[in-house]
N, C-alpha and C. Protein backbone atom coordinates (compact mmCIF):
# COMPACT_ATOMS: atom_id res chain seq x y z
N UNK A 1 -211.25 -124.18 52.51
CA UNK A 1 -212.51 -124.44 51.85
C UNK A 1 -212.29 -125.43 50.72
N UNK A 2 -212.81 -126.61 50.87
CA UNK A 2 -212.70 -127.64 49.84
C UNK A 2 -211.27 -127.86 49.37
N UNK A 3 -210.34 -127.79 50.31
CA UNK A 3 -208.92 -128.00 50.04
C UNK A 3 -208.38 -127.02 49.00
N UNK A 4 -208.83 -125.77 49.09
CA UNK A 4 -208.37 -124.71 48.20
C UNK A 4 -208.03 -123.48 49.03
N UNK A 5 -207.06 -122.75 48.54
CA UNK A 5 -206.78 -121.44 49.08
C UNK A 5 -207.49 -120.44 48.16
N UNK A 6 -208.19 -119.50 48.74
CA UNK A 6 -208.90 -118.49 47.96
C UNK A 6 -208.23 -117.15 48.21
N UNK A 7 -207.79 -116.52 47.12
CA UNK A 7 -207.14 -115.21 47.19
C UNK A 7 -208.08 -114.22 46.52
N UNK A 8 -208.48 -113.19 47.27
CA UNK A 8 -209.46 -112.24 46.76
C UNK A 8 -208.88 -110.83 46.80
N UNK A 9 -208.99 -110.14 45.66
CA UNK A 9 -208.58 -108.75 45.55
C UNK A 9 -209.82 -107.91 45.31
N UNK A 10 -209.93 -106.79 46.00
CA UNK A 10 -211.07 -105.89 45.82
C UNK A 10 -210.55 -104.48 45.54
N UNK A 11 -211.28 -103.80 44.68
CA UNK A 11 -211.00 -102.39 44.41
C UNK A 11 -212.34 -101.74 44.11
N UNK A 12 -212.84 -100.95 45.06
CA UNK A 12 -214.16 -100.35 44.90
C UNK A 12 -215.23 -101.43 44.82
N UNK A 13 -216.01 -101.40 43.75
CA UNK A 13 -217.09 -102.38 43.59
C UNK A 13 -216.64 -103.61 42.80
N UNK A 14 -215.39 -103.65 42.41
CA UNK A 14 -214.88 -104.76 41.61
C UNK A 14 -214.09 -105.73 42.48
N UNK A 15 -214.09 -106.99 42.07
CA UNK A 15 -213.26 -107.96 42.78
C UNK A 15 -212.75 -109.02 41.81
N UNK A 16 -211.60 -109.56 42.16
CA UNK A 16 -211.01 -110.69 41.44
C UNK A 16 -210.73 -111.78 42.46
N UNK A 17 -211.06 -113.01 42.10
CA UNK A 17 -210.86 -114.13 43.02
C UNK A 17 -210.05 -115.20 42.28
N UNK A 18 -209.04 -115.69 42.96
CA UNK A 18 -208.20 -116.77 42.44
C UNK A 18 -208.25 -117.93 43.43
N UNK A 19 -208.42 -119.13 42.92
CA UNK A 19 -208.47 -120.32 43.77
C UNK A 19 -207.29 -121.22 43.44
N UNK A 20 -206.59 -121.62 44.47
CA UNK A 20 -205.44 -122.50 44.33
C UNK A 20 -205.72 -123.80 45.07
N UNK A 21 -205.72 -124.90 44.36
CA UNK A 21 -205.92 -126.19 45.00
C UNK A 21 -204.67 -126.56 45.79
N UNK A 22 -204.88 -127.09 46.98
CA UNK A 22 -203.74 -127.53 47.80
C UNK A 22 -202.87 -128.52 47.05
N UNK A 23 -203.48 -129.34 46.22
CA UNK A 23 -202.73 -130.36 45.48
C UNK A 23 -201.79 -129.75 44.43
N UNK A 24 -202.08 -128.51 44.00
CA UNK A 24 -201.23 -127.84 43.02
C UNK A 24 -200.00 -127.19 43.65
N UNK A 25 -199.98 -127.14 44.96
CA UNK A 25 -198.85 -126.55 45.68
C UNK A 25 -197.89 -127.64 46.12
N UNK A 26 -196.68 -127.26 46.44
CA UNK A 26 -195.66 -128.26 46.78
C UNK A 26 -195.55 -128.55 48.27
N UNK A 27 -196.52 -128.04 49.04
CA UNK A 27 -196.52 -128.33 50.46
C UNK A 27 -196.14 -127.16 51.35
N UNK A 28 -195.96 -126.00 50.75
CA UNK A 28 -195.56 -124.83 51.52
C UNK A 28 -196.71 -124.12 52.21
N UNK A 29 -197.93 -124.58 51.97
CA UNK A 29 -199.09 -123.99 52.62
C UNK A 29 -199.29 -122.53 52.28
N UNK A 30 -199.76 -121.78 53.26
CA UNK A 30 -200.06 -120.37 53.05
C UNK A 30 -198.82 -119.59 52.62
N UNK A 31 -197.66 -119.93 53.14
CA UNK A 31 -196.43 -119.23 52.76
C UNK A 31 -196.18 -119.36 51.25
N UNK A 32 -196.50 -120.52 50.71
CA UNK A 32 -196.31 -120.73 49.27
C UNK A 32 -197.29 -119.87 48.46
N UNK A 33 -198.50 -119.71 48.96
CA UNK A 33 -199.47 -118.85 48.30
C UNK A 33 -198.93 -117.42 48.24
N UNK A 34 -198.38 -116.93 49.34
CA UNK A 34 -197.82 -115.58 49.36
C UNK A 34 -196.61 -115.44 48.44
N UNK A 35 -195.87 -116.51 48.22
CA UNK A 35 -194.74 -116.47 47.27
C UNK A 35 -195.24 -116.32 45.84
N UNK A 36 -196.37 -116.96 45.54
CA UNK A 36 -196.95 -116.88 44.20
C UNK A 36 -197.43 -115.47 43.91
N UNK A 37 -197.97 -114.82 44.92
CA UNK A 37 -198.52 -113.47 44.76
C UNK A 37 -197.36 -112.47 44.89
N UNK A 38 -196.57 -112.39 43.85
CA UNK A 38 -195.43 -111.48 43.87
C UNK A 38 -195.80 -110.13 43.25
N UNK A 39 -194.84 -109.22 43.17
CA UNK A 39 -195.10 -107.88 42.66
C UNK A 39 -195.59 -107.89 41.21
N UNK A 40 -195.04 -108.78 40.39
CA UNK A 40 -195.46 -108.86 38.99
C UNK A 40 -196.92 -109.29 38.89
N UNK A 41 -197.31 -110.25 39.71
CA UNK A 41 -198.71 -110.70 39.71
C UNK A 41 -199.64 -109.58 40.16
N UNK A 42 -199.26 -108.88 41.22
CA UNK A 42 -200.09 -107.78 41.73
C UNK A 42 -200.21 -106.68 40.68
N UNK A 43 -199.16 -106.43 39.93
CA UNK A 43 -199.22 -105.42 38.86
C UNK A 43 -200.26 -105.81 37.81
N UNK A 44 -200.34 -107.09 37.47
CA UNK A 44 -201.34 -107.53 36.49
C UNK A 44 -202.75 -107.44 37.07
N UNK A 45 -202.89 -107.70 38.35
CA UNK A 45 -204.20 -107.57 39.00
C UNK A 45 -204.66 -106.12 38.93
N UNK A 46 -203.77 -105.19 39.23
CA UNK A 46 -204.11 -103.77 39.20
C UNK A 46 -204.50 -103.34 37.78
N UNK A 47 -203.74 -103.78 36.77
CA UNK A 47 -204.08 -103.39 35.40
C UNK A 47 -205.39 -104.04 34.95
N UNK A 48 -205.65 -105.24 35.43
CA UNK A 48 -206.92 -105.91 35.10
C UNK A 48 -208.11 -105.15 35.70
N UNK A 49 -207.93 -104.59 36.89
CA UNK A 49 -208.99 -103.77 37.49
C UNK A 49 -209.31 -102.58 36.58
N UNK A 50 -208.29 -101.96 36.02
CA UNK A 50 -208.52 -100.83 35.12
C UNK A 50 -209.32 -101.27 33.90
N UNK A 51 -208.99 -102.43 33.34
CA UNK A 51 -209.74 -102.96 32.20
C UNK A 51 -211.18 -103.30 32.58
N UNK A 52 -211.34 -103.89 33.75
CA UNK A 52 -212.69 -104.24 34.21
C UNK A 52 -213.54 -102.98 34.36
N UNK A 53 -212.96 -101.95 34.95
CA UNK A 53 -213.68 -100.69 35.15
C UNK A 53 -214.08 -100.10 33.80
N UNK A 54 -213.15 -100.11 32.85
CA UNK A 54 -213.41 -99.58 31.51
C UNK A 54 -214.50 -100.38 30.81
N UNK A 55 -214.44 -101.70 30.90
CA UNK A 55 -215.46 -102.56 30.28
C UNK A 55 -216.84 -102.27 30.85
N UNK A 56 -216.92 -102.13 32.17
CA UNK A 56 -218.21 -101.88 32.80
C UNK A 56 -218.74 -100.50 32.43
N UNK A 57 -217.85 -99.52 32.42
CA UNK A 57 -218.25 -98.16 32.03
C UNK A 57 -218.81 -98.15 30.61
N UNK A 58 -218.13 -98.83 29.69
CA UNK A 58 -218.59 -98.90 28.30
C UNK A 58 -219.96 -99.57 28.21
N UNK A 59 -220.14 -100.68 28.93
CA UNK A 59 -221.41 -101.39 28.91
C UNK A 59 -222.52 -100.52 29.48
N UNK A 60 -222.23 -99.82 30.55
CA UNK A 60 -223.22 -98.94 31.17
C UNK A 60 -223.62 -97.82 30.21
N UNK A 61 -222.65 -97.22 29.55
CA UNK A 61 -222.93 -96.12 28.62
C UNK A 61 -223.75 -96.59 27.43
N UNK A 62 -223.55 -97.83 26.96
CA UNK A 62 -224.35 -98.34 25.85
C UNK A 62 -225.82 -98.43 26.21
N UNK A 63 -226.11 -98.63 27.48
CA UNK A 63 -227.50 -98.75 27.93
C UNK A 63 -228.16 -97.40 28.18
N UNK A 64 -227.40 -96.34 28.18
CA UNK A 64 -227.95 -95.02 28.48
C UNK A 64 -228.51 -94.33 27.24
N UNK A 65 -228.32 -94.90 26.06
CA UNK A 65 -228.79 -94.25 24.84
C UNK A 65 -229.86 -95.05 24.15
């Protein structure tokens, strides 16, 4: 899509999307994208989901009063 790789993570109703331009890669294609998405990156994605859930919960609760 428009010379970009799109990596999407979903957890319940939340999602995170990362776009990588082909020009930013060194020519490894999809294999290079999978190399970028290592265990450390996935750990940050998981922790970000927890923050996103907390932020949404807080915003929702502010509207209930």
